[in-house]
Amino acid sequence: MKTFKDSLKGLRKTLRSAAPALPARPQPAAEPEPDFRQLFADVKPLKPDSRHHPQPPKPSPRPRKPSRGPALSGHVEQALLQHQVGWFEPAHTLHQFARPGMPSLTLKRLRAGNWPICAQLDLHGLDRYQAQDALAVFLHRAQRDGVCVRVIHGKGFGSQGEPVLKKMVRSWLQHHPEVLAFCETCDAMGGDGALLVLLRRGARRDGDS
């Protein structure tokens, strides 16, 4: 076995010495770099103009912290949230309103005096914010005595331009969760300067007679 391996080694040496040497491949000649002036020989420079080109200021390396505005105290925030309804005036004046799901004869019965008036509120002389507070308290307390109330907001003759309180009161009543319907009163009770309001029947509280 060893004699066979030695003969293979000798054969390999003989083949290597007999194989012709391969010629070395010629390296491609490096192309000369183009001349910059020759490449852009046909380029013409722009004529200078007399305009001023302002440079925008560079940004600060320190990022700005987002501004959160002035801090508001708790009572100021509460007051803003409480009166934000008064910032938006409705585009139209509602003459009557009935919550969806109410019987079709609700407004007719309300206008005819089917429910006795248990309380009334006069908003003359109040601004929109005072009127909103007074109306909210009035409706809350009136539910203990009955379901129909009269709200007098006036016709707005003393206002400059269109009446404001007349629109606002009707918009507030439309969005009040305890109001089922309202309509304008007859001429003897104030006409379009007052409303008959139908409320949900409130639960009688302990201690109420």
Protein backbone atom coordinates (compact mmCIF):
# COMPACT_ATOMS: atom_id res chain seq x y z
CA MET A 1 0.00 0.00 0.00
CA LYS A 2 2.85 2.32 0.85
CA THR A 3 4.58 1.56 -2.44
CA PHE A 4 1.39 2.56 -4.34
CA LYS A 5 1.21 5.95 -2.56
CA ASP A 6 4.86 6.63 -3.35
CA SER A 7 4.29 5.90 -7.03
CA LEU A 8 1.33 8.37 -7.08
CA LYS A 9 3.49 11.12 -5.61
CA GLY A 10 6.10 10.55 -8.28
CA LEU A 11 3.48 10.66 -10.99
CA ARG A 12 2.12 14.00 -9.72
CA LYS A 13 5.58 15.57 -9.76
CA THR A 14 6.15 14.35 -13.32
CA LEU A 15 2.84 15.87 -14.53
CA ARG A 16 3.51 19.21 -12.88
CA SER A 17 6.95 19.51 -14.43
CA ALA A 18 5.64 18.54 -17.90
CA ALA A 19 2.64 21.03 -17.89
CA PRO A 20 3.43 24.25 -19.82
CA ALA A 21 3.30 27.47 -17.86
CA LEU A 22 0.27 29.69 -18.62
CA PRO A 23 1.11 33.17 -19.87
CA ALA A 24 0.18 36.01 -17.53
CA ARG A 25 -2.86 38.05 -18.54
CA PRO A 26 -2.01 41.60 -19.58
CA GLN A 27 -3.45 44.26 -17.25
CA PRO A 28 -5.71 46.84 -19.00
CA ALA A 29 -4.20 50.26 -19.25
CA ALA A 30 -5.75 52.82 -16.92
CA GLU A 31 -7.82 55.46 -18.72
CA PRO A 32 -6.64 59.01 -18.20
CA GLU A 33 -8.91 61.17 -16.00
CA PRO A 34 -10.96 63.71 -17.99
CA ASP A 35 -10.00 67.33 -17.68
CA PHE A 36 -12.62 69.38 -15.73
CA ARG A 37 -12.26 72.45 -17.93
CA GLN A 38 -12.71 70.42 -21.10
CA LEU A 39 -15.89 68.76 -19.78
CA PHE A 40 -17.56 72.09 -18.94
CA ALA A 41 -16.04 74.24 -21.67
CA ASP A 42 -19.51 75.05 -23.13
CA VAL A 43 -21.09 76.09 -19.78
CA LYS A 44 -21.70 79.81 -19.41
CA PRO A 45 -21.94 81.37 -15.94
CA LEU A 46 -25.17 83.11 -14.90
CA LYS A 47 -25.23 86.87 -14.94
CA PRO A 48 -25.35 88.35 -11.43
CA ASP A 49 -28.70 89.97 -10.55
CA SER A 50 -29.33 92.85 -8.18
CA ARG A 51 -31.89 90.97 -6.10
CA HIS A 52 -31.45 90.22 -2.44
CA HIS A 53 -31.64 86.56 -1.54
CA PRO A 54 -32.29 86.27 2.19
CA GLN A 55 -30.84 83.32 3.98
CA PRO A 56 -33.19 81.57 6.41
CA PRO A 57 -31.91 81.51 9.98
CA LYS A 58 -30.30 78.32 11.10
CA PRO A 59 -32.30 76.24 13.59
CA SER A 60 -31.23 76.22 17.18
CA PRO A 61 -29.21 73.18 18.22
CA ARG A 62 -31.51 72.84 21.24
CA PRO A 63 -35.09 71.78 20.41
CA ARG A 64 -37.87 73.93 21.75
CA LYS A 65 -40.28 72.53 24.27
CA PRO A 66 -43.93 72.63 23.11
CA SER A 67 -45.81 75.51 24.67
CA ARG A 68 -48.83 74.50 26.71
CA GLY A 69 -50.10 78.04 27.18
CA PRO A 70 -50.70 79.81 30.47
CA ALA A 71 -51.75 77.62 33.34
CA LEU A 72 -55.39 77.98 34.38
CA SER A 73 -56.66 77.56 37.88
CA GLY A 74 -59.33 75.00 38.68
CA HIS A 75 -62.20 77.45 39.10
CA VAL A 76 -61.35 79.21 35.83
CA GLU A 77 -61.40 75.91 33.90
CA GLN A 78 -64.68 74.97 35.50
CA ALA A 79 -66.21 78.31 34.55
CA LEU A 80 -65.04 77.98 30.95
CA LEU A 81 -66.46 74.49 30.58
CA GLN A 82 -69.69 75.52 32.24
CA HIS A 83 -70.30 78.44 29.88
CA GLN A 84 -68.89 77.07 26.63
CA VAL A 85 -72.42 76.45 25.35
CA GLY A 86 -72.96 80.21 25.45
CA TRP A 87 -70.12 80.85 22.99
CA PHE A 88 -72.06 79.44 20.06
CA GLU A 89 -75.24 81.11 18.89
CA PRO A 90 -77.71 78.96 16.92
CA ALA A 91 -78.36 80.02 13.35
CA HIS A 92 -82.15 79.73 13.57
CA THR A 93 -84.81 80.30 16.21
CA LEU A 94 -86.88 77.25 17.09
CA HIS A 95 -90.58 77.99 17.44
CA GLN A 96 -91.37 74.57 18.91
CA PHE A 97 -89.60 71.33 19.72
CA ALA A 98 -90.56 67.75 20.59
CA ARG A 99 -88.02 65.09 21.43
CA PRO A 100 -88.00 62.09 19.03
CA GLY A 101 -90.31 59.37 20.27
CA MET A 102 -92.88 61.73 21.80
CA PRO A 103 -96.55 61.29 20.76
CA SER A 104 -97.65 63.36 17.76
CA LEU A 105 -100.23 65.28 19.85
CA THR A 106 -97.73 66.38 22.49
CA LEU A 107 -97.22 69.90 21.14
CA LYS A 108 -100.94 70.40 20.53
CA ARG A 109 -101.79 69.34 24.08
CA LEU A 110 -98.98 71.48 25.50
CA ARG A 111 -100.19 74.55 23.61
CA ALA A 112 -103.77 73.91 24.73
CA GLY A 113 -102.78 73.89 28.41
CA ASN A 114 -103.25 70.18 29.06
CA TRP A 115 -100.64 70.31 31.84
CA PRO A 116 -100.93 73.00 34.52
CA ILE A 117 -98.01 75.39 34.90
CA CYS A 118 -96.22 74.60 38.15
CA ALA A 119 -93.52 77.33 38.02
CA GLN A 120 -92.22 80.15 35.86
CA LEU A 121 -88.89 81.90 35.31
CA ASP A 122 -88.33 85.44 34.02
CA LEU A 123 -84.91 85.98 32.41
CA HIS A 124 -85.30 89.70 31.68
CA GLY A 125 -82.19 91.70 32.58
CA LEU A 126 -79.80 88.71 32.57
CA ASP A 127 -76.93 88.13 30.16
CA ARG A 128 -76.47 84.79 28.44
CA TYR A 129 -74.27 83.33 31.17
CA GLN A 130 -76.52 84.38 34.03
CA ALA A 131 -79.55 83.15 32.09
CA GLN A 132 -77.94 79.76 31.50
CA ASP A 133 -77.21 79.26 35.19
CA ALA A 134 -80.66 80.45 36.27
CA LEU A 135 -82.39 78.20 33.74
CA ALA A 136 -80.42 75.10 34.75
CA VAL A 137 -81.23 75.57 38.45
CA PHE A 138 -84.87 76.41 37.71
CA LEU A 139 -85.48 73.27 35.63
CA HIS A 140 -83.82 71.08 38.26
CA ARG A 141 -86.01 72.42 41.06
CA ALA A 142 -89.22 72.59 39.02
CA GLN A 143 -89.29 68.82 38.47
CA ARG A 144 -90.25 68.37 42.12
CA ASP A 145 -93.49 70.33 41.60
CA GLY A 146 -94.73 69.28 38.17
CA VAL A 147 -93.95 68.72 34.50
CA CYS A 148 -94.94 72.01 32.83
CA VAL A 149 -93.18 75.35 33.37
CA ARG A 150 -93.18 78.77 31.74
CA VAL A 151 -89.91 80.44 30.73
CA ILE A 152 -89.96 84.13 29.82
CA HIS A 153 -86.96 85.19 27.75
CA GLY A 154 -88.39 88.29 26.06
CA LYS A 155 -88.68 89.21 22.41
CA GLY A 156 -85.29 90.88 22.18
CA PHE A 157 -86.49 94.39 21.38
CA GLY A 158 -83.84 95.84 23.67
CA SER A 159 -80.99 94.00 21.91
CA GLN A 160 -78.95 95.57 19.15
CA GLY A 161 -79.63 93.63 15.95
CA GLU A 162 -81.23 90.19 16.30
CA PRO A 163 -82.32 88.90 19.72
CA VAL A 164 -79.66 86.74 21.31
CA LEU A 165 -81.23 85.36 24.48
CA LYS A 166 -84.32 84.20 22.61
CA LYS A 167 -82.23 81.92 20.39
CA MET A 168 -79.95 80.74 23.16
CA VAL A 169 -82.71 79.72 25.58
CA ARG A 170 -84.44 77.62 22.95
CA SER A 171 -81.17 75.98 21.95
CA TRP A 172 -80.39 75.14 25.60
CA LEU A 173 -83.85 73.65 26.10
CA GLN A 174 -83.48 71.53 22.97
CA HIS A 175 -80.28 69.94 24.31
CA HIS A 176 -81.39 69.64 27.95
CA PRO A 177 -81.87 65.95 28.81
CA GLU A 178 -84.93 66.62 31.03
CA VAL A 179 -86.85 68.65 28.41
CA LEU A 180 -89.37 66.66 26.37
CA ALA A 181 -90.97 69.49 24.38
CA PHE A 182 -91.58 73.23 24.27
CA CYS A 183 -93.69 75.69 22.29
CA GLU A 184 -94.40 79.41 22.21
CA THR A 185 -97.17 80.70 24.45
CA CYS A 186 -100.34 82.46 23.39
CA ASP A 187 -100.41 86.25 23.09
CA ALA A 188 -101.99 86.65 26.53
CA MET A 189 -99.05 84.80 28.15
CA GLY A 190 -96.25 86.54 26.23
CA GLY A 191 -96.49 85.22 22.67
CA ASP A 192 -93.09 84.42 21.15
CA GLY A 193 -91.36 86.04 24.13
CA ALA A 194 -92.16 83.08 26.38
CA LEU A 195 -92.24 79.29 26.21
CA LEU A 196 -94.23 76.46 27.70
CA VAL A 197 -91.78 73.67 28.56
CA LEU A 198 -92.72 70.04 29.20
CA LEU A 199 -90.31 68.21 31.55
CA ARG A 200 -89.76 64.62 32.46
CA ARG A 201 -91.57 63.58 35.59
CA GLY A 202 -88.99 63.86 38.34
CA ALA A 203 -88.72 61.52 41.30
CA ARG A 204 -90.10 63.02 44.48
CA ARG A 205 -87.33 63.42 47.03
CA ASP A 206 -87.35 62.52 50.69
CA GLY A 207 -88.77 65.34 52.80
CA ASP A 208 -90.78 66.91 49.97
CA SER A 209 -94.45 67.39 50.79
